[in-house]
PDB file of N, CA and C in Angstrom:
ATOM      1  N   MET A   1      -9.172 -13.413   1.687  1.00  0.00           N
ATOM      2  CA  MET A   1      -8.397 -12.788   0.637  1.00  0.00           C
ATOM      3  C   MET A   1      -9.356 -12.318  -0.446  1.00  0.00           C
ATOM      4  N   ALA A   2      -9.101 -11.135  -0.978  1.00  0.00           N
ATOM      5  CA  ALA A   2      -9.926 -10.596  -2.061  1.00  0.00           C
ATOM      6  C   ALA A   2      -9.705 -11.409  -3.335  1.00  0.00           C
ATOM      7  N   PRO A   3     -10.774 -11.718  -4.060  1.00  0.00           N
ATOM      8  CA  PRO A   3     -10.626 -12.519  -5.285  1.00  0.00           C
ATOM      9  C   PRO A   3      -9.692 -11.835  -6.291  1.00  0.00           C
ATOM     10  N   PHE A   4      -8.715 -12.570  -6.736  1.00  0.00           N
ATOM     11  CA  PHE A   4      -7.684 -12.047  -7.628  1.00  0.00           C
ATOM     12  C   PHE A   4      -8.273 -11.429  -8.890  1.00  0.00           C
ATOM     13  N   LEU A   5      -9.250 -12.061  -9.502  1.00  0.00           N
ATOM     14  CA  LEU A   5      -9.804 -11.556 -10.763  1.00  0.00           C
ATOM     15  C   LEU A   5     -10.453 -10.187 -10.613  1.00  0.00           C
ATOM     16  N   ASN A   6     -10.984  -9.883  -9.438  1.00  0.00           N
ATOM     17  CA  ASN A   6     -11.656  -8.606  -9.212  1.00  0.00           C
ATOM     18  C   ASN A   6     -10.783  -7.558  -8.530  1.00  0.00           C
ATOM     19  N   PHE A   7      -9.742  -7.983  -7.878  1.00  0.00           N
ATOM     20  CA  PHE A   7      -8.937  -7.075  -7.059  1.00  0.00           C
ATOM     21  C   PHE A   7      -7.446  -7.282  -7.302  1.00  0.00           C
ATOM     22  N   LYS A   8      -7.017  -7.226  -8.532  1.00  0.00           N
ATOM     23  CA  LYS A   8      -5.636  -7.541  -8.884  1.00  0.00           C
ATOM     24  C   LYS A   8      -4.650  -6.436  -8.474  1.00  0.00           C
ATOM     25  N   ASN A   9      -5.062  -5.177  -8.586  1.00  0.00           N
ATOM     26  CA  ASN A   9      -4.168  -4.048  -8.311  1.00  0.00           C
ATOM     27  C   ASN A   9      -4.427  -3.497  -6.914  1.00  0.00           C
ATOM     28  N   VAL A  10      -3.428  -3.629  -6.047  1.00  0.00           N
ATOM     29  CA  VAL A  10      -3.591  -3.315  -4.629  1.00  0.00           C
ATOM     30  C   VAL A  10      -2.562  -2.286  -4.196  1.00  0.00           C
ATOM     31  N   VAL A  11      -3.010  -1.322  -3.382  1.00  0.00           N
ATOM     32  CA  VAL A  11      -2.087  -0.393  -2.749  1.00  0.00           C
ATOM     33  C   VAL A  11      -2.093  -0.682  -1.247  1.00  0.00           C
ATOM     34  N   ASP A  12      -0.905  -0.774  -0.679  1.00  0.00           N
ATOM     35  CA  ASP A  12      -0.725  -1.041   0.750  1.00  0.00           C
ATOM     36  C   ASP A  12      -0.133   0.222   1.365  1.00  0.00           C
ATOM     37  N   LEU A  13      -0.946   0.939   2.116  1.00  0.00           N
ATOM     38  CA  LEU A  13      -0.534   2.223   2.705  1.00  0.00           C
ATOM     39  C   LEU A  13      -0.013   1.996   4.117  1.00  0.00           C
ATOM     40  N   GLY A  14       1.191   2.501   4.386  1.00  0.00           N
ATOM     41  CA  GLY A  14       1.821   2.243   5.671  1.00  0.00           C
ATOM     42  C   GLY A  14       2.299   0.812   5.739  1.00  0.00           C
ATOM     43  N   CYS A  15       2.970   0.367   4.675  1.00  0.00           N
ATOM     44  CA  CYS A  15       3.322  -1.057   4.514  1.00  0.00           C
ATOM     45  C   CYS A  15       4.404  -1.550   5.459  1.00  0.00           C
ATOM     46  N   GLY A  16       5.139  -0.634   6.102  1.00  0.00           N
ATOM     47  CA  GLY A  16       6.215  -1.075   6.990  1.00  0.00           C
ATOM     48  C   GLY A  16       7.218  -1.937   6.249  1.00  0.00           C
ATOM     49  N   PRO A  17       7.621  -3.072   6.816  1.00  0.00           N
ATOM     50  CA  PRO A  17       8.612  -3.936   6.170  1.00  0.00           C
ATOM     51  C   PRO A  17       8.043  -4.828   5.074  1.00  0.00           C
ATOM     52  N   GLY A  18       6.784  -4.626   4.699  1.00  0.00           N
ATOM     53  CA  GLY A  18       6.218  -5.355   3.573  1.00  0.00           C
ATOM     54  C   GLY A  18       5.567  -6.680   3.889  1.00  0.00           C
ATOM     55  N   LEU A  19       5.124  -6.877   5.105  1.00  0.00           N
ATOM     56  CA  LEU A  19       4.555  -8.165   5.497  1.00  0.00           C
ATOM     57  C   LEU A  19       3.344  -8.555   4.652  1.00  0.00           C
ATOM     58  N   TYR A  20       2.401  -7.649   4.477  1.00  0.00           N
ATOM     59  CA  TYR A  20       1.210  -7.956   3.680  1.00  0.00           C
ATOM     60  C   TYR A  20       1.519  -7.892   2.196  1.00  0.00           C
ATOM     61  N   ALA A  21       2.331  -6.928   1.788  1.00  0.00           N
ATOM     62  CA  ALA A  21       2.687  -6.779   0.373  1.00  0.00           C
ATOM     63  C   ALA A  21       3.350  -8.053  -0.154  1.00  0.00           C
ATOM     64  N   GLU A  22       4.242  -8.621   0.629  1.00  0.00           N
ATOM     65  CA  GLU A  22       4.912  -9.856   0.203  1.00  0.00           C
ATOM     66  C   GLU A  22       3.921 -11.006   0.026  1.00  0.00           C
ATOM     67  N   ARG A  23       3.020 -11.150   0.966  1.00  0.00           N
ATOM     68  CA  ARG A  23       2.042 -12.241   0.869  1.00  0.00           C
ATOM     69  C   ARG A  23       1.158 -12.091  -0.364  1.00  0.00           C
ATOM     70  N   LEU A  24       0.775 -10.873  -0.675  1.00  0.00           N
ATOM     71  CA  LEU A  24      -0.040 -10.643  -1.867  1.00  0.00           C
ATOM     72  C   LEU A  24       0.776 -10.838  -3.144  1.00  0.00           C
ATOM     73  N   ALA A  25       2.023 -10.409  -3.124  1.00  0.00           N
ATOM     74  CA  ALA A  25       2.889 -10.598  -4.294  1.00  0.00           C
ATOM     75  C   ALA A  25       3.093 -12.090  -4.575  1.00  0.00           C
ATOM     76  N   LEU A  26       3.188 -12.888  -3.535  1.00  0.00           N
ATOM     77  CA  LEU A  26       3.315 -14.339  -3.713  1.00  0.00           C
ATOM     78  C   LEU A  26       2.111 -14.937  -4.430  1.00  0.00           C
ATOM     79  N   LYS A  27       0.967 -14.264  -4.312  1.00  0.00           N
ATOM     80  CA  LYS A  27      -0.255 -14.731  -4.968  1.00  0.00           C
ATOM     81  C   LYS A  27      -0.498 -13.976  -6.281  1.00  0.00           C
ATOM     82  N   ASN A  28       0.535 -13.292  -6.762  1.00  0.00           N
ATOM     83  CA  ASN A  28       0.533 -12.599  -8.058  1.00  0.00           C
ATOM     84  C   ASN A  28      -0.341 -11.357  -8.151  1.00  0.00           C
ATOM     85  N   TYR A  29      -0.668 -10.740  -7.031  1.00  0.00           N
ATOM     86  CA  TYR A  29      -1.333  -9.447  -7.074  1.00  0.00           C
ATOM     87  C   TYR A  29      -0.302  -8.398  -7.502  1.00  0.00           C
ATOM     88  N   ASN A  30      -0.754  -7.329  -8.155  1.00  0.00           N
ATOM     89  CA  ASN A  30       0.110  -6.191  -8.479  1.00  0.00           C
ATOM     90  C   ASN A  30       0.078  -5.252  -7.284  1.00  0.00           C
ATOM     91  N   ILE A  31       1.211  -5.105  -6.614  1.00  0.00           N
ATOM     92  CA  ILE A  31       1.261  -4.385  -5.348  1.00  0.00           C
ATOM     93  C   ILE A  31       2.081  -3.106  -5.466  1.00  0.00           C
ATOM     94  N   THR A  32       1.493  -2.022  -4.972  1.00  0.00           N
ATOM     95  CA  THR A  32       2.215  -0.791  -4.714  1.00  0.00           C
ATOM     96  C   THR A  32       2.164  -0.610  -3.207  1.00  0.00           C
ATOM     97  N   ALA A  33       3.321  -0.384  -2.589  1.00  0.00           N
ATOM     98  CA  ALA A  33       3.379  -0.311  -1.127  1.00  0.00           C
ATOM     99  C   ALA A  33       4.141   0.936  -0.710  1.00  0.00           C
ATOM    100  N   LEU A  34       3.533   1.753   0.150  1.00  0.00           N
ATOM    101  CA  LEU A  34       4.106   3.016   0.588  1.00  0.00           C
ATOM    102  C   LEU A  34       4.356   3.016   2.087  1.00  0.00           C
ATOM    103  N   ASP A  35       5.443   3.665   2.471  1.00  0.00           N
ATOM    104  CA  ASP A  35       5.698   3.901   3.884  1.00  0.00           C
ATOM    105  C   ASP A  35       6.601   5.112   4.015  1.00  0.00           C
ATOM    106  N   PHE A  36       6.419   5.886   5.091  1.00  0.00           N
ATOM    107  CA  PHE A  36       7.259   7.075   5.299  1.00  0.00           C
ATOM    108  C   PHE A  36       8.619   6.710   5.884  1.00  0.00           C
ATOM    109  N   SER A  37       8.788   5.472   6.336  1.00  0.00           N
ATOM    110  CA  SER A  37      10.061   5.031   6.908  1.00  0.00           C
ATOM    111  C   SER A  37      10.983   4.513   5.805  1.00  0.00           C
ATOM    112  N   GLU A  38      12.043   5.229   5.571  1.00  0.00           N
ATOM    113  CA  GLU A  38      13.005   4.809   4.554  1.00  0.00           C
ATOM    114  C   GLU A  38      13.640   3.474   4.921  1.00  0.00           C
ATOM    115  N   ASN A  39      13.899   3.253   6.206  1.00  0.00           N
ATOM    116  CA  ASN A  39      14.478   1.982   6.648  1.00  0.00           C
ATOM    117  C   ASN A  39      13.550   0.810   6.346  1.00  0.00           C
ATOM    118  N   SER A  40      12.253   1.001   6.601  1.00  0.00           N
ATOM    119  CA  SER A  40      11.293  -0.069   6.315  1.00  0.00           C
ATOM    120  C   SER A  40      11.226  -0.365   4.825  1.00  0.00           C
ATOM    121  N   ILE A  41      11.212   0.665   4.008  1.00  0.00           N
ATOM    122  CA  ILE A  41      11.152   0.470   2.555  1.00  0.00           C
ATOM    123  C   ILE A  41      12.429  -0.199   2.053  1.00  0.00           C
ATOM    124  N   ASP A  42      13.575   0.229   2.539  1.00  0.00           N
ATOM    125  CA  ASP A  42      14.835  -0.403   2.136  1.00  0.00           C
ATOM    126  C   ASP A  42      14.842  -1.887   2.492  1.00  0.00           C
ATOM    127  N   TYR A  43      14.398  -2.198   3.701  1.00  0.00           N
ATOM    128  CA  TYR A  43      14.320  -3.604   4.130  1.00  0.00           C
ATOM    129  C   TYR A  43      13.354  -4.390   3.231  1.00  0.00           C
ATOM    130  N   ALA A  44      12.175  -3.817   2.987  1.00  0.00           N
ATOM    131  CA  ALA A  44      11.167  -4.493   2.168  1.00  0.00           C
ATOM    132  C   ALA A  44      11.696  -4.751   0.760  1.00  0.00           C
ATOM    133  N   LYS A  45      12.401  -3.790   0.198  1.00  0.00           N
ATOM    134  CA  LYS A  45      12.972  -3.962  -1.146  1.00  0.00           C
ATOM    135  C   LYS A  45      13.999  -5.100  -1.163  1.00  0.00           C
ATOM    136  N   ARG A  46      14.845  -5.150  -0.139  1.00  0.00           N
ATOM    137  CA  ARG A  46      15.839  -6.231  -0.067  1.00  0.00           C
ATOM    138  C   ARG A  46      15.164  -7.591   0.034  1.00  0.00           C
ATOM    139  N   GLU A  47      14.143  -7.680   0.877  1.00  0.00           N
ATOM    140  CA  GLU A  47      13.428  -8.945   1.046  1.00  0.00           C
ATOM    141  C   GLU A  47      12.722  -9.365  -0.242  1.00  0.00           C
ATOM    142  N   ALA A  48      12.104  -8.410  -0.917  1.00  0.00           N
ATOM    143  CA  ALA A  48      11.416  -8.728  -2.174  1.00  0.00           C
ATOM    144  C   ALA A  48      12.416  -9.228  -3.210  1.00  0.00           C
ATOM    145  N   LYS A  49      13.554  -8.574  -3.286  1.00  0.00           N
ATOM    146  CA  LYS A  49      14.584  -8.993  -4.245  1.00  0.00           C
ATOM    147  C   LYS A  49      15.102 -10.389  -3.907  1.00  0.00           C
ATOM    148  N   ALA A  50      15.348 -10.639  -2.636  1.00  0.00           N
ATOM    149  CA  ALA A  50      15.863 -11.939  -2.203  1.00  0.00           C
ATOM    150  C   ALA A  50      14.866 -13.067  -2.481  1.00  0.00           C
ATOM    151  N   ASN A  51      13.580 -12.722  -2.490  1.00  0.00           N
ATOM    152  CA  ASN A  51      12.538 -13.724  -2.700  1.00  0.00           C
ATOM    153  C   ASN A  51      11.926 -13.666  -4.103  1.00  0.00           C
ATOM    154  N   ASN A  52      12.582 -12.918  -4.991  1.00  0.00           N
ATOM    155  CA  ASN A  52      12.114 -12.772  -6.384  1.00  0.00           C
ATOM    156  C   ASN A  52      10.656 -12.327  -6.471  1.00  0.00           C
ATOM    157  N   LEU A  53      10.296 -11.351  -5.649  1.00  0.00           N
ATOM    158  CA  LEU A  53       8.936 -10.819  -5.652  1.00  0.00           C
ATOM    159  C   LEU A  53       8.920  -9.445  -6.310  1.00  0.00           C
ATOM    160  N   VAL A  54       7.870  -9.170  -7.039  1.00  0.00           N
ATOM    161  CA  VAL A  54       7.722  -7.871  -7.682  1.00  0.00           C
ATOM    162  C   VAL A  54       6.734  -7.037  -6.863  1.00  0.00           C
ATOM    163  N   VAL A  55       7.270  -5.998  -6.225  1.00  0.00           N
ATOM    164  CA  VAL A  55       6.458  -5.058  -5.451  1.00  0.00           C
ATOM    165  C   VAL A  55       7.009  -3.666  -5.741  1.00  0.00           C
ATOM    166  N   ASP A  56       6.125  -2.729  -6.022  1.00  0.00           N
ATOM    167  CA  ASP A  56       6.523  -1.340  -6.239  1.00  0.00           C
ATOM    168  C   ASP A  56       6.556  -0.648  -4.880  1.00  0.00           C
ATOM    169  N   TYR A  57       7.696  -0.753  -4.204  1.00  0.00           N
ATOM    170  CA  TYR A  57       7.860  -0.116  -2.893  1.00  0.00           C
ATOM    171  C   TYR A  57       8.244   1.343  -3.082  1.00  0.00           C
ATOM    172  N   ARG A  58       7.590   2.205  -2.314  1.00  0.00           N
ATOM    173  CA  ARG A  58       7.848   3.649  -2.408  1.00  0.00           C
ATOM    174  C   ARG A  58       8.043   4.259  -1.021  1.00  0.00           C
ATOM    175  N   HIS A  59       9.120   5.002  -0.894  1.00  0.00           N
ATOM    176  CA  HIS A  59       9.339   5.783   0.321  1.00  0.00           C
ATOM    177  C   HIS A  59       8.527   7.062   0.155  1.00  0.00           C
ATOM    178  N   GLN A  60       7.342   7.072   0.769  1.00  0.00           N
ATOM    179  CA  GLN A  60       6.412   8.173   0.546  1.00  0.00           C
ATOM    180  C   GLN A  60       5.423   8.268   1.697  1.00  0.00           C
ATOM    181  N   ASN A  61       4.982   9.474   1.982  1.00  0.00           N
ATOM    182  CA  ASN A  61       3.970   9.716   3.002  1.00  0.00           C
ATOM    183  C   ASN A  61       2.594   9.534   2.376  1.00  0.00           C
ATOM    184  N   TYR A  62       1.775   8.661   2.924  1.00  0.00           N
ATOM    185  CA  TYR A  62       0.464   8.418   2.325  1.00  0.00           C
ATOM    186  C   TYR A  62      -0.492   9.593   2.472  1.00  0.00           C
ATOM    187  N   LEU A  63      -0.146  10.574   3.305  1.00  0.00           N
ATOM    188  CA  LEU A  63      -0.989  11.759   3.412  1.00  0.00           C
ATOM    189  C   LEU A  63      -0.788  12.714   2.230  1.00  0.00           C
ATOM    190  N   THR A  64       0.341  12.615   1.562  1.00  0.00           N
ATOM    191  CA  THR A  64       0.593  13.469   0.401  1.00  0.00           C
ATOM    192  C   THR A  64       0.503  12.698  -0.910  1.00  0.00           C
ATOM    193  N   TRP A  65       0.357  11.392  -0.847  1.00  0.00           N
ATOM    194  CA  TRP A  65       0.245  10.525  -2.011  1.00  0.00           C
ATOM    195  C   TRP A  65      -1.079  10.773  -2.710  1.00  0.00           C
ATOM    196  N   GLN A  66      -1.016  10.814  -4.040  1.00  0.00           N
ATOM    197  CA  GLN A  66      -2.248  10.991  -4.815  1.00  0.00           C
ATOM    198  C   GLN A  66      -2.131  10.244  -6.129  1.00  0.00           C
ATOM    199  N   GLU A  67      -3.092   9.399  -6.392  1.00  0.00           N
ATOM    200  CA  GLU A  67      -3.215   8.722  -7.677  1.00  0.00           C
ATOM    201  C   GLU A  67      -4.700   8.646  -7.995  1.00  0.00           C
ATOM    202  N   THR A  68      -5.024   8.455  -9.269  1.00  0.00           N
ATOM    203  CA  THR A  68      -6.419   8.467  -9.685  1.00  0.00           C
ATOM    204  C   THR A  68      -6.797   7.164 -10.372  1.00  0.00           C
ATOM    205  N   GLU A  69      -7.832   6.529  -9.847  1.00  0.00           N
ATOM    206  CA  GLU A  69      -8.443   5.327 -10.421  1.00  0.00           C
ATOM    207  C   GLU A  69      -7.447   4.289 -10.923  1.00  0.00           C
ATOM    208  N   ARG A  70      -6.523   3.925 -10.065  1.00  0.00           N
ATOM    209  CA  ARG A  70      -5.497   2.951 -10.436  1.00  0.00           C
ATOM    210  C   ARG A  70      -5.668   1.604  -9.737  1.00  0.00           C
ATOM    211  N   TYR A  71      -6.243   1.601  -8.556  1.00  0.00           N
ATOM    212  CA  TYR A  71      -6.265   0.398  -7.723  1.00  0.00           C
ATOM    213  C   TYR A  71      -7.664  -0.181  -7.570  1.00  0.00           C
ATOM    214  N   ASP A  72      -7.688  -1.494  -7.329  1.00  0.00           N
ATOM    215  CA  ASP A  72      -8.937  -2.205  -7.058  1.00  0.00           C
ATOM    216  C   ASP A  72      -9.200  -2.321  -5.567  1.00  0.00           C
ATOM    217  N   LEU A  73      -8.128  -2.231  -4.785  1.00  0.00           N
ATOM    218  CA  LEU A  73      -8.225  -2.472  -3.351  1.00  0.00           C
ATOM    219  C   LEU A  73      -7.133  -1.676  -2.640  1.00  0.00           C
ATOM    220  N   ALA A  74      -7.470  -1.115  -1.486  1.00  0.00           N
ATOM    221  CA  ALA A  74      -6.497  -0.393  -0.667  1.00  0.00           C
ATOM    222  C   ALA A  74      -6.425  -1.039   0.711  1.00  0.00           C
ATOM    223  N   LEU A  75      -5.205  -1.185   1.214  1.00  0.00           N
ATOM    224  CA  LEU A  75      -4.982  -1.723   2.558  1.00  0.00           C
ATOM    225  C   LEU A  75      -4.389  -0.631   3.437  1.00  0.00           C
ATOM    226  N   LEU A  76      -4.860  -0.565   4.667  1.00  0.00           N
ATOM    227  CA  LEU A  76      -4.320   0.364   5.657  1.00  0.00           C
ATOM    228  C   LEU A  76      -4.582  -0.248   7.022  1.00  0.00           C
ATOM    229  N   ILE A  77      -3.510  -0.529   7.760  1.00  0.00           N
ATOM    230  CA  ILE A  77      -3.742  -1.128   9.075  1.00  0.00           C
ATOM    231  C   ILE A  77      -4.398  -0.104   9.997  1.00  0.00           C
ATOM    232  N   TYR A  78      -5.263  -0.578  10.823  1.00  0.00           N
ATOM    233  CA  TYR A  78      -6.118   0.276  11.647  1.00  0.00           C
ATOM    234  C   TYR A  78      -5.331   1.220  12.543  1.00  0.00           C
ATOM    235  N   CYS A  79      -4.241   0.765  13.122  1.00  0.00           N
ATOM    236  CA  CYS A  79      -3.515   1.629  14.073  1.00  0.00           C
ATOM    237  C   CYS A  79      -2.953   2.871  13.372  1.00  0.00           C
ATOM    238  N   ASP A  80      -2.655   2.787  12.079  1.00  0.00           N
ATOM    239  CA  ASP A  80      -2.227   3.979  11.344  1.00  0.00           C
ATOM    240  C   ASP A  80      -3.354   5.007  11.300  1.00  0.00           C
ATOM    241  N   TYR A  81      -4.535   4.544  10.997  1.00  0.00           N
ATOM    242  CA  TYR A  81      -5.682   5.439  10.841  1.00  0.00           C
ATOM    243  C   TYR A  81      -6.049   6.138  12.149  1.00  0.00           C
ATOM    244  N   VAL A  82      -6.132   5.394  13.233  1.00  0.00           N
ATOM    245  CA  VAL A  82      -6.580   5.987  14.496  1.00  0.00           C
ATOM    246  C   VAL A  82      -5.559   6.949  15.079  1.00  0.00           C
ATOM    247  N   ALA A  83      -4.319   6.878  14.654  1.00  0.00           N
ATOM    248  CA  ALA A  83      -3.295   7.802  15.151  1.00  0.00           C
ATOM    249  C   ALA A  83      -3.371   9.176  14.481  1.00  0.00           C
ATOM    250  N   LEU A  84      -4.151   9.283  13.421  1.00  0.00           N
ATOM    251  CA  LEU A  84      -4.257  10.539  12.679  1.00  0.00           C
ATOM    252  C   LEU A  84      -5.315  11.454  13.285  1.00  0.00           C
ATOM    253  N   ASN A  85      -5.107  12.766  13.125  1.00  0.00           N
ATOM    254  CA  ASN A  85      -6.146  13.700  13.550  1.00  0.00           C
ATOM    255  C   ASN A  85      -7.282  13.686  12.524  1.00  0.00           C
ATOM    256  N   VAL A  86      -8.383  14.313  12.833  1.00  0.00           N
ATOM    257  CA  VAL A  86      -9.588  14.246  12.007  1.00  0.00           C
ATOM    258  C   VAL A  86      -9.328  14.772  10.596  1.00  0.00           C
ATOM    259  N   GLU A  87      -8.615  15.870  10.467  1.00  0.00           N
ATOM    260  CA  GLU A  87      -8.357  16.441   9.136  1.00  0.00           C
ATOM    261  C   GLU A  87      -7.476  15.516   8.294  1.00  0.00           C
ATOM    262  N   ASP A  88      -6.464  14.919   8.903  1.00  0.00           N
ATOM    263  CA  ASP A  88      -5.605  13.978   8.172  1.00  0.00           C
ATOM    264  C   ASP A  88      -6.381  12.726   7.769  1.00  0.00           C
ATOM    265  N   ARG A  89      -7.289  12.283   8.620  1.00  0.00           N
ATOM    266  CA  ARG A  89      -8.130  11.138   8.273  1.00  0.00           C
ATOM    267  C   ARG A  89      -8.973  11.446   7.037  1.00  0.00           C
ATOM    268  N   LYS A  90      -9.580  12.633   7.029  1.00  0.00           N
ATOM    269  CA  LYS A  90     -10.397  13.030   5.886  1.00  0.00           C
ATOM    270  C   LYS A  90      -9.561  13.086   4.606  1.00  0.00           C
ATOM    271  N   ARG A  91      -8.392  13.687   4.702  1.00  0.00           N
ATOM    272  CA  ARG A  91      -7.512  13.800   3.533  1.00  0.00           C
ATOM    273  C   ARG A  91      -7.105  12.418   3.027  1.00  0.00           C
ATOM    274  N   LEU A  92      -6.725  11.541   3.951  1.00  0.00           N
ATOM    275  CA  LEU A  92      -6.313  10.187   3.565  1.00  0.00           C
ATOM    276  C   LEU A  92      -7.463   9.424   2.907  1.00  0.00           C
ATOM    277  N   LEU A  93      -8.637   9.467   3.505  1.00  0.00           N
ATOM    278  CA  LEU A  93      -9.776   8.754   2.927  1.00  0.00           C
ATOM    279  C   LEU A  93     -10.144   9.310   1.553  1.00  0.00           C
ATOM    280  N   LYS A  94     -10.046  10.616   1.383  1.00  0.00           N
ATOM    281  CA  LYS A  94     -10.309  11.227   0.071  1.00  0.00           C
ATOM    282  C   LYS A  94      -9.291  10.732  -0.951  1.00  0.00           C
ATOM    283  N   ASN A  95      -8.011  10.685  -0.570  1.00  0.00           N
ATOM    284  CA  ASN A  95      -6.965  10.193  -1.461  1.00  0.00           C
ATOM    285  C   ASN A  95      -7.170   8.722  -1.811  1.00  0.00           C
ATOM    286  N   ILE A  96      -7.551   7.924  -0.834  1.00  0.00           N
ATOM    287  CA  ILE A  96      -7.801   6.499  -1.087  1.00  0.00           C
ATOM    288  C   ILE A  96      -8.970   6.353  -2.060  1.00  0.00           C
ATOM    289  N   LEU A  97     -10.049   7.064  -1.801  1.00  0.00           N
ATOM    290  CA  LEU A  97     -11.216   6.973  -2.679  1.00  0.00           C
ATOM    291  C   LEU A  97     -10.877   7.352  -4.110  1.00  0.00           C
ATOM    292  N   SER A  98     -10.106   8.414  -4.299  1.00  0.00           N
ATOM    293  CA  SER A  98      -9.774   8.829  -5.669  1.00  0.00           C
ATOM    294  C   SER A  98      -8.806   7.847  -6.338  1.00  0.00           C
ATOM    295  N   SER A  99      -8.051   7.089  -5.552  1.00  0.00           N
ATOM    296  CA  SER A  99      -7.095   6.133  -6.124  1.00  0.00           C
ATOM    297  C   SER A  99      -7.767   4.839  -6.595  1.00  0.00           C
ATOM    298  N   LEU A 100      -8.991   4.606  -6.109  1.00  0.00           N
ATOM    299  CA  LEU A 100      -9.680   3.368  -6.454  1.00  0.00           C
ATOM    300  C   LEU A 100     -10.456   3.504  -7.761  1.00  0.00           C
ATOM    301  N   LYS A 101     -10.460   2.420  -8.514  1.00  0.00           N
ATOM    302  CA  LYS A 101     -11.268   2.380  -9.734  1.00  0.00           C
ATOM    303  C   LYS A 101     -12.737   2.413  -9.353  1.00  0.00           C
ATOM    304  N   SER A 102     -13.561   2.874 -10.256  1.00  0.00           N
ATOM    305  CA  SER A 102     -15.010   2.973  -9.994  1.00  0.00           C
ATOM    306  C   SER A 102     -15.605   1.617  -9.680  1.00  0.00           C
TER     307      SER A 102
END
């Protein structure tokens, strides 16, 4: 696990039903979690509410997502990355890099 003091703000790209986001929220990380599946996000929101967890769940495509220097750490499961074509991989990595603090 990434040390909380250095990596408090985390983005989880392709979060699905929130399995990793929930575990990090339980340890008081600030989590933003994105997925293109509305069903997965709806489920994750219900679970977070039922467990009194604070997670910023967003129904959003991580290929079009853009934020600047907001996060300390980015999560992306490997199978999401390898399913992308080369241009989408480049775009995603560029977006992730710009979203991370220096």
